[in-house]
Amino acid sequence: MSYIYVIIETKFMTYAKTELFQADQQEIAKIAKVLSHPARIAIIQLLARKQVCISGDISDELPLSRTTVSQHLNELKESGIIQGEVSGLNVCYCLDLKVVEHIKNLFGTFFEDTKNQAVGGCC
């Protein structure tokens, strides 16, 4: 890649401008992005039911390959929603209940505020 190409590419790139929004709005958007795939929702529900799970067990429960499940587990782990602990050749995953509670409160407040502002709205 030439130096000129880098300058032109940088000049015409679009930016999300997320830093212009409030911190809670940015956090809700990041969490919503992590939760935007049904496989990750299924993994969260599975971990909630079983309370502890081995990564191989998770791929047995979903219609996805182990590699794909692993990618989704990494997304959830990076977001902090789940924790993983190496146990021999496997990784044992579980929900981080503090993070789940924080997300519940964050979205609860968001939807409650939205509902309160919508009362008497035009629709």
N, C-alpha and C. Protein backbone atom coordinates (compact mmCIF):
# COMPACT_ATOMS: atom_id res chain seq x y z
N MET A 1 0.85 -1.17 0.00
CA MET A 1 0.00 0.00 0.00
C MET A 1 0.90 1.23 0.00
N SER A 2 0.65 2.14 -0.92
CA SER A 2 1.49 3.33 -1.00
C SER A 2 1.03 4.39 -0.01
N TYR A 3 1.93 5.31 0.25
CA TYR A 3 1.67 6.41 1.18
C TYR A 3 0.50 7.26 0.70
N ILE A 4 0.44 7.56 -0.60
CA ILE A 4 -0.64 8.38 -1.16
C ILE A 4 -1.98 7.69 -0.97
N TYR A 5 -2.03 6.39 -1.19
CA TYR A 5 -3.28 5.64 -1.02
C TYR A 5 -3.78 5.74 0.42
N VAL A 6 -2.87 5.66 1.38
CA VAL A 6 -3.25 5.76 2.79
C VAL A 6 -3.86 7.12 3.08
N ILE A 7 -3.29 8.18 2.56
CA ILE A 7 -3.82 9.53 2.78
C ILE A 7 -5.21 9.65 2.16
N ILE A 8 -5.37 9.20 0.94
CA ILE A 8 -6.67 9.29 0.26
C ILE A 8 -7.70 8.44 0.99
N GLU A 9 -7.33 7.22 1.37
CA GLU A 9 -8.26 6.34 2.08
C GLU A 9 -8.70 6.97 3.39
N THR A 10 -7.76 7.54 4.13
CA THR A 10 -8.07 8.16 5.41
C THR A 10 -8.97 9.38 5.21
N LYS A 11 -8.71 10.15 4.19
CA LYS A 11 -9.48 11.37 3.94
C LYS A 11 -10.95 11.08 3.65
N PHE A 12 -11.24 9.99 2.96
CA PHE A 12 -12.59 9.70 2.55
C PHE A 12 -13.31 8.66 3.41
N MET A 13 -12.66 8.20 4.48
CA MET A 13 -13.30 7.23 5.36
C MET A 13 -14.41 7.90 6.15
N THR A 14 -15.47 7.17 6.41
CA THR A 14 -16.53 7.71 7.24
C THR A 14 -16.31 7.24 8.67
N TYR A 15 -16.73 8.04 9.61
CA TYR A 15 -16.56 7.73 11.02
C TYR A 15 -17.93 7.63 11.67
N ALA A 16 -18.06 6.72 12.62
CA ALA A 16 -19.34 6.49 13.29
C ALA A 16 -19.71 7.63 14.22
N LYS A 17 -18.74 8.39 14.68
CA LYS A 17 -18.94 9.51 15.58
C LYS A 17 -19.61 9.10 16.88
N THR A 18 -19.36 7.88 17.32
CA THR A 18 -19.99 7.41 18.56
C THR A 18 -19.60 8.24 19.76
N GLU A 19 -18.42 8.85 19.72
CA GLU A 19 -17.97 9.65 20.86
C GLU A 19 -18.84 10.88 21.08
N LEU A 20 -19.68 11.22 20.12
CA LEU A 20 -20.58 12.38 20.27
C LEU A 20 -21.82 12.05 21.10
N PHE A 21 -22.01 10.79 21.43
CA PHE A 21 -23.19 10.36 22.18
C PHE A 21 -22.85 10.12 23.64
N GLN A 22 -23.87 10.12 24.48
CA GLN A 22 -23.68 9.91 25.91
C GLN A 22 -23.10 8.53 26.17
N ALA A 23 -22.39 8.39 27.29
CA ALA A 23 -21.73 7.13 27.63
C ALA A 23 -22.72 5.98 27.73
N ASP A 24 -23.89 6.21 28.33
CA ASP A 24 -24.87 5.12 28.45
C ASP A 24 -25.43 4.73 27.09
N GLN A 25 -25.58 5.68 26.19
CA GLN A 25 -26.04 5.37 24.83
C GLN A 25 -25.01 4.52 24.09
N GLN A 26 -23.75 4.86 24.25
CA GLN A 26 -22.68 4.08 23.63
C GLN A 26 -22.64 2.66 24.20
N GLU A 27 -22.81 2.56 25.53
CA GLU A 27 -22.76 1.24 26.17
C GLU A 27 -23.93 0.37 25.74
N ILE A 28 -25.13 0.94 25.69
CA ILE A 28 -26.31 0.18 25.24
C ILE A 28 -26.10 -0.30 23.80
N ALA A 29 -25.57 0.56 22.95
CA ALA A 29 -25.34 0.19 21.54
C ALA A 29 -24.33 -0.95 21.43
N LYS A 30 -23.25 -0.90 22.22
CA LYS A 30 -22.24 -1.96 22.18
C LYS A 30 -22.84 -3.29 22.64
N ILE A 31 -23.62 -3.25 23.70
CA ILE A 31 -24.24 -4.48 24.22
C ILE A 31 -25.25 -5.01 23.20
N ALA A 32 -26.04 -4.12 22.63
CA ALA A 32 -27.04 -4.54 21.63
C ALA A 32 -26.34 -5.21 20.45
N LYS A 33 -25.18 -4.71 20.07
CA LYS A 33 -24.44 -5.31 18.95
C LYS A 33 -23.99 -6.73 19.31
N VAL A 34 -23.52 -6.91 20.54
CA VAL A 34 -23.11 -8.25 20.98
C VAL A 34 -24.31 -9.19 21.01
N LEU A 35 -25.46 -8.68 21.43
CA LEU A 35 -26.66 -9.51 21.55
C LEU A 35 -27.40 -9.67 20.22
N SER A 36 -26.87 -9.09 19.15
CA SER A 36 -27.61 -9.05 17.89
C SER A 36 -27.61 -10.35 17.09
N HIS A 37 -26.94 -11.37 17.56
CA HIS A 37 -26.94 -12.64 16.83
C HIS A 37 -27.67 -13.70 17.65
N PRO A 38 -28.60 -14.43 17.02
CA PRO A 38 -29.36 -15.44 17.76
C PRO A 38 -28.50 -16.53 18.39
N ALA A 39 -27.34 -16.82 17.82
CA ALA A 39 -26.45 -17.83 18.41
C ALA A 39 -25.96 -17.36 19.78
N ARG A 40 -25.64 -16.07 19.88
CA ARG A 40 -25.16 -15.56 21.18
C ARG A 40 -26.29 -15.53 22.20
N ILE A 41 -27.49 -15.24 21.75
CA ILE A 41 -28.65 -15.31 22.65
C ILE A 41 -28.83 -16.75 23.13
N ALA A 42 -28.74 -17.70 22.21
CA ALA A 42 -28.89 -19.12 22.56
C ALA A 42 -27.81 -19.56 23.54
N ILE A 43 -26.58 -19.09 23.35
CA ILE A 43 -25.49 -19.45 24.26
C ILE A 43 -25.77 -18.90 25.65
N ILE A 44 -26.19 -17.65 25.73
CA ILE A 44 -26.52 -17.05 27.03
C ILE A 44 -27.63 -17.82 27.71
N GLN A 45 -28.67 -18.17 26.97
CA GLN A 45 -29.78 -18.93 27.55
C GLN A 45 -29.32 -20.31 28.02
N LEU A 46 -28.47 -20.95 27.24
CA LEU A 46 -27.95 -22.27 27.61
C LEU A 46 -27.12 -22.18 28.89
N LEU A 47 -26.25 -21.19 28.98
CA LEU A 47 -25.44 -21.02 30.17
C LEU A 47 -26.29 -20.69 31.40
N ALA A 48 -27.35 -19.94 31.18
CA ALA A 48 -28.26 -19.61 32.29
C ALA A 48 -28.97 -20.86 32.79
N ARG A 49 -29.35 -21.74 31.88
CA ARG A 49 -30.03 -22.98 32.26
C ARG A 49 -29.09 -23.94 32.97
N LYS A 50 -27.90 -24.12 32.39
CA LYS A 50 -26.96 -25.12 32.92
C LYS A 50 -26.06 -24.56 34.01
N GLN A 51 -25.92 -23.26 34.06
CA GLN A 51 -25.11 -22.52 35.03
C GLN A 51 -23.61 -22.68 34.80
N VAL A 52 -23.14 -23.78 34.27
CA VAL A 52 -21.74 -23.97 33.88
C VAL A 52 -21.75 -24.87 32.65
N CYS A 53 -20.85 -24.62 31.73
CA CYS A 53 -20.87 -25.39 30.50
C CYS A 53 -19.46 -25.51 29.94
N ILE A 54 -19.17 -26.61 29.30
CA ILE A 54 -17.90 -26.81 28.60
C ILE A 54 -18.12 -26.41 27.14
N SER A 55 -17.12 -25.83 26.52
CA SER A 55 -17.31 -25.31 25.17
C SER A 55 -17.77 -26.39 24.20
N GLY A 56 -17.30 -27.62 24.31
CA GLY A 56 -17.74 -28.71 23.44
C GLY A 56 -19.22 -29.00 23.60
N ASP A 57 -19.71 -28.93 24.83
CA ASP A 57 -21.13 -29.13 25.08
C ASP A 57 -21.98 -28.08 24.38
N ILE A 58 -21.50 -26.85 24.33
CA ILE A 58 -22.25 -25.77 23.71
C ILE A 58 -22.42 -26.04 22.22
N SER A 59 -21.37 -26.47 21.54
CA SER A 59 -21.49 -26.74 20.11
C SER A 59 -22.39 -27.95 19.85
N ASP A 60 -22.50 -28.86 20.81
CA ASP A 60 -23.42 -29.99 20.65
C ASP A 60 -24.88 -29.54 20.72
N GLU A 61 -25.12 -28.42 21.39
CA GLU A 61 -26.48 -27.93 21.61
C GLU A 61 -26.98 -26.99 20.51
N LEU A 62 -26.07 -26.50 19.69
CA LEU A 62 -26.43 -25.51 18.66
C LEU A 62 -26.19 -26.06 17.27
N PRO A 63 -26.94 -25.58 16.29
CA PRO A 63 -26.76 -26.05 14.91
C PRO A 63 -25.60 -25.34 14.20
N LEU A 64 -24.48 -25.23 14.92
CA LEU A 64 -23.31 -24.53 14.38
C LEU A 64 -22.05 -25.37 14.61
N SER A 65 -21.03 -25.09 13.83
CA SER A 65 -19.76 -25.80 14.01
C SER A 65 -19.08 -25.31 15.28
N ARG A 66 -18.13 -26.12 15.76
CA ARG A 66 -17.36 -25.73 16.95
C ARG A 66 -16.63 -24.41 16.73
N THR A 67 -16.10 -24.23 15.53
CA THR A 67 -15.36 -23.01 15.21
C THR A 67 -16.27 -21.79 15.31
N THR A 68 -17.47 -21.89 14.76
CA THR A 68 -18.43 -20.79 14.80
C THR A 68 -18.85 -20.50 16.23
N VAL A 69 -19.14 -21.55 16.99
CA VAL A 69 -19.52 -21.38 18.39
C VAL A 69 -18.38 -20.70 19.15
N SER A 70 -17.16 -21.10 18.87
CA SER A 70 -16.00 -20.50 19.51
C SER A 70 -15.90 -19.01 19.23
N GLN A 71 -16.19 -18.61 18.01
CA GLN A 71 -16.17 -17.18 17.66
C GLN A 71 -17.23 -16.42 18.44
N HIS A 72 -18.42 -17.00 18.58
CA HIS A 72 -19.48 -16.35 19.35
C HIS A 72 -19.12 -16.29 20.83
N LEU A 73 -18.51 -17.35 21.34
CA LEU A 73 -18.07 -17.35 22.73
C LEU A 73 -17.03 -16.25 22.96
N ASN A 74 -16.13 -16.06 22.02
CA ASN A 74 -15.13 -14.99 22.14
C ASN A 74 -15.78 -13.62 22.18
N GLU A 75 -16.79 -13.40 21.34
CA GLU A 75 -17.52 -12.12 21.35
C GLU A 75 -18.15 -11.88 22.72
N LEU A 76 -18.80 -12.91 23.25
CA LEU A 76 -19.45 -12.78 24.56
C LEU A 76 -18.44 -12.58 25.67
N LYS A 77 -17.30 -13.25 25.55
CA LYS A 77 -16.26 -13.11 26.57
C LYS A 77 -15.64 -11.71 26.53
N GLU A 78 -15.37 -11.21 25.33
CA GLU A 78 -14.80 -9.87 25.19
C GLU A 78 -15.73 -8.81 25.76
N SER A 79 -17.03 -9.03 25.65
CA SER A 79 -18.00 -8.06 26.17
C SER A 79 -18.14 -8.16 27.68
N GLY A 80 -17.64 -9.26 28.26
CA GLY A 80 -17.73 -9.45 29.70
C GLY A 80 -18.97 -10.19 30.15
N ILE A 81 -19.86 -10.53 29.23
CA ILE A 81 -21.11 -11.21 29.59
C ILE A 81 -20.82 -12.61 30.12
N ILE A 82 -19.81 -13.27 29.56
CA ILE A 82 -19.43 -14.59 30.05
C ILE A 82 -17.98 -14.58 30.48
N GLN A 83 -17.65 -15.56 31.30
CA GLN A 83 -16.28 -15.79 31.73
C GLN A 83 -15.88 -17.18 31.28
N GLY A 84 -14.61 -17.37 31.02
CA GLY A 84 -14.11 -18.68 30.64
C GLY A 84 -12.90 -19.05 31.46
N GLU A 85 -12.86 -20.32 31.86
CA GLU A 85 -11.75 -20.81 32.66
C GLU A 85 -11.22 -22.09 32.03
N VAL A 86 -9.92 -22.14 31.81
CA VAL A 86 -9.31 -23.32 31.20
C VAL A 86 -9.33 -24.46 32.22
N SER A 87 -9.83 -25.61 31.75
CA SER A 87 -9.89 -26.81 32.59
C SER A 87 -9.40 -27.98 31.74
N GLY A 88 -8.12 -28.29 31.84
CA GLY A 88 -7.56 -29.34 30.99
C GLY A 88 -7.53 -28.88 29.54
N LEU A 89 -8.14 -29.67 28.65
CA LEU A 89 -8.19 -29.31 27.24
C LEU A 89 -9.42 -28.47 26.91
N ASN A 90 -10.33 -28.32 27.86
CA ASN A 90 -11.57 -27.59 27.61
C ASN A 90 -11.55 -26.23 28.31
N VAL A 91 -12.48 -25.40 27.90
CA VAL A 91 -12.70 -24.13 28.57
C VAL A 91 -14.10 -24.18 29.14
N CYS A 92 -14.21 -23.91 30.42
CA CYS A 92 -15.50 -23.92 31.10
C CYS A 92 -16.05 -22.49 31.10
N TYR A 93 -17.22 -22.29 30.52
CA TYR A 93 -17.82 -20.97 30.43
C TYR A 93 -18.99 -20.84 31.38
N CYS A 94 -19.18 -19.62 31.91
CA CYS A 94 -20.35 -19.31 32.73
C CYS A 94 -20.68 -17.84 32.56
N LEU A 95 -21.90 -17.47 32.92
CA LEU A 95 -22.31 -16.08 32.86
C LEU A 95 -21.63 -15.30 33.98
N ASP A 96 -21.28 -14.06 33.71
CA ASP A 96 -20.84 -13.15 34.76
C ASP A 96 -22.10 -12.45 35.26
N LEU A 97 -22.60 -12.91 36.38
CA LEU A 97 -23.91 -12.45 36.87
C LEU A 97 -23.92 -10.96 37.20
N LYS A 98 -22.79 -10.40 37.59
CA LYS A 98 -22.73 -8.95 37.84
C LYS A 98 -22.93 -8.18 36.55
N VAL A 99 -22.31 -8.64 35.49
CA VAL A 99 -22.45 -7.98 34.19
C VAL A 99 -23.88 -8.15 33.67
N VAL A 100 -24.43 -9.34 33.81
CA VAL A 100 -25.81 -9.60 33.36
C VAL A 100 -26.77 -8.68 34.12
N GLU A 101 -26.58 -8.52 35.41
CA GLU A 101 -27.43 -7.64 36.21
C GLU A 101 -27.27 -6.19 35.77
N HIS A 102 -26.05 -5.78 35.46
CA HIS A 102 -25.80 -4.42 34.98
C HIS A 102 -26.54 -4.18 33.65
N ILE A 103 -26.45 -5.15 32.74
CA ILE A 103 -27.13 -5.04 31.45
C ILE A 103 -28.64 -4.96 31.66
N LYS A 104 -29.15 -5.79 32.55
CA LYS A 104 -30.59 -5.79 32.84
C LYS A 104 -31.02 -4.40 33.34
N ASN A 105 -30.25 -3.83 34.25
CA ASN A 105 -30.58 -2.51 34.78
C ASN A 105 -30.45 -1.42 33.72
N LEU A 106 -29.40 -1.51 32.90
CA LEU A 106 -29.17 -0.52 31.85
C LEU A 106 -30.32 -0.51 30.85
N PHE A 107 -30.70 -1.69 30.37
CA PHE A 107 -31.80 -1.77 29.41
C PHE A 107 -33.14 -1.46 30.08
N GLY A 108 -33.30 -1.88 31.33
CA GLY A 108 -34.53 -1.57 32.06
C GLY A 108 -34.74 -0.08 32.18
N THR A 109 -33.70 0.64 32.54
CA THR A 109 -33.78 2.10 32.64
C THR A 109 -34.06 2.72 31.28
N PHE A 110 -33.36 2.23 30.26
CA PHE A 110 -33.57 2.74 28.90
C PHE A 110 -35.01 2.59 28.46
N PHE A 111 -35.59 1.39 28.63
CA PHE A 111 -36.96 1.17 28.19
C PHE A 111 -37.97 1.87 29.07
N GLU A 112 -37.69 1.99 30.35
CA GLU A 112 -38.59 2.72 31.25
C GLU A 112 -38.61 4.20 30.88
N ASP A 113 -37.44 4.77 30.62
CA ASP A 113 -37.37 6.17 30.20
C ASP A 113 -38.10 6.38 28.88
N THR A 114 -37.92 5.45 27.96
CA THR A 114 -38.57 5.53 26.65
C THR A 114 -40.09 5.47 26.82
N LYS A 115 -40.54 4.55 27.67
CA LYS A 115 -41.99 4.40 27.91
C LYS A 115 -42.55 5.67 28.55
N ASN A 116 -41.85 6.22 29.52
CA ASN A 116 -42.32 7.43 30.20
C ASN A 116 -42.40 8.62 29.27
N GLN A 117 -41.46 8.73 28.35
CA GLN A 117 -41.46 9.84 27.40
C GLN A 117 -42.50 9.66 26.33
N ALA A 118 -42.88 8.41 26.05
CA ALA A 118 -43.85 8.13 24.99
C ALA A 118 -45.28 8.38 25.43
N VAL A 119 -45.54 8.45 26.74
CA VAL A 119 -46.88 8.69 27.24
C VAL A 119 -47.34 10.05 26.72
N GLY A 120 -48.52 10.07 26.09
CA GLY A 120 -49.02 11.32 25.53
C GLY A 120 -48.38 11.67 24.20
N GLY A 121 -47.69 10.70 23.61
CA GLY A 121 -47.03 10.93 22.32
C GLY A 121 -48.04 11.01 21.20
N CYS A 122 -47.55 11.12 20.01
CA CYS A 122 -48.42 11.32 18.85
C CYS A 122 -48.96 10.01 18.26
N CYS A 123 -48.42 8.87 18.64
CA CYS A 123 -48.85 7.60 18.01
C CYS A 123 -49.58 6.72 19.00
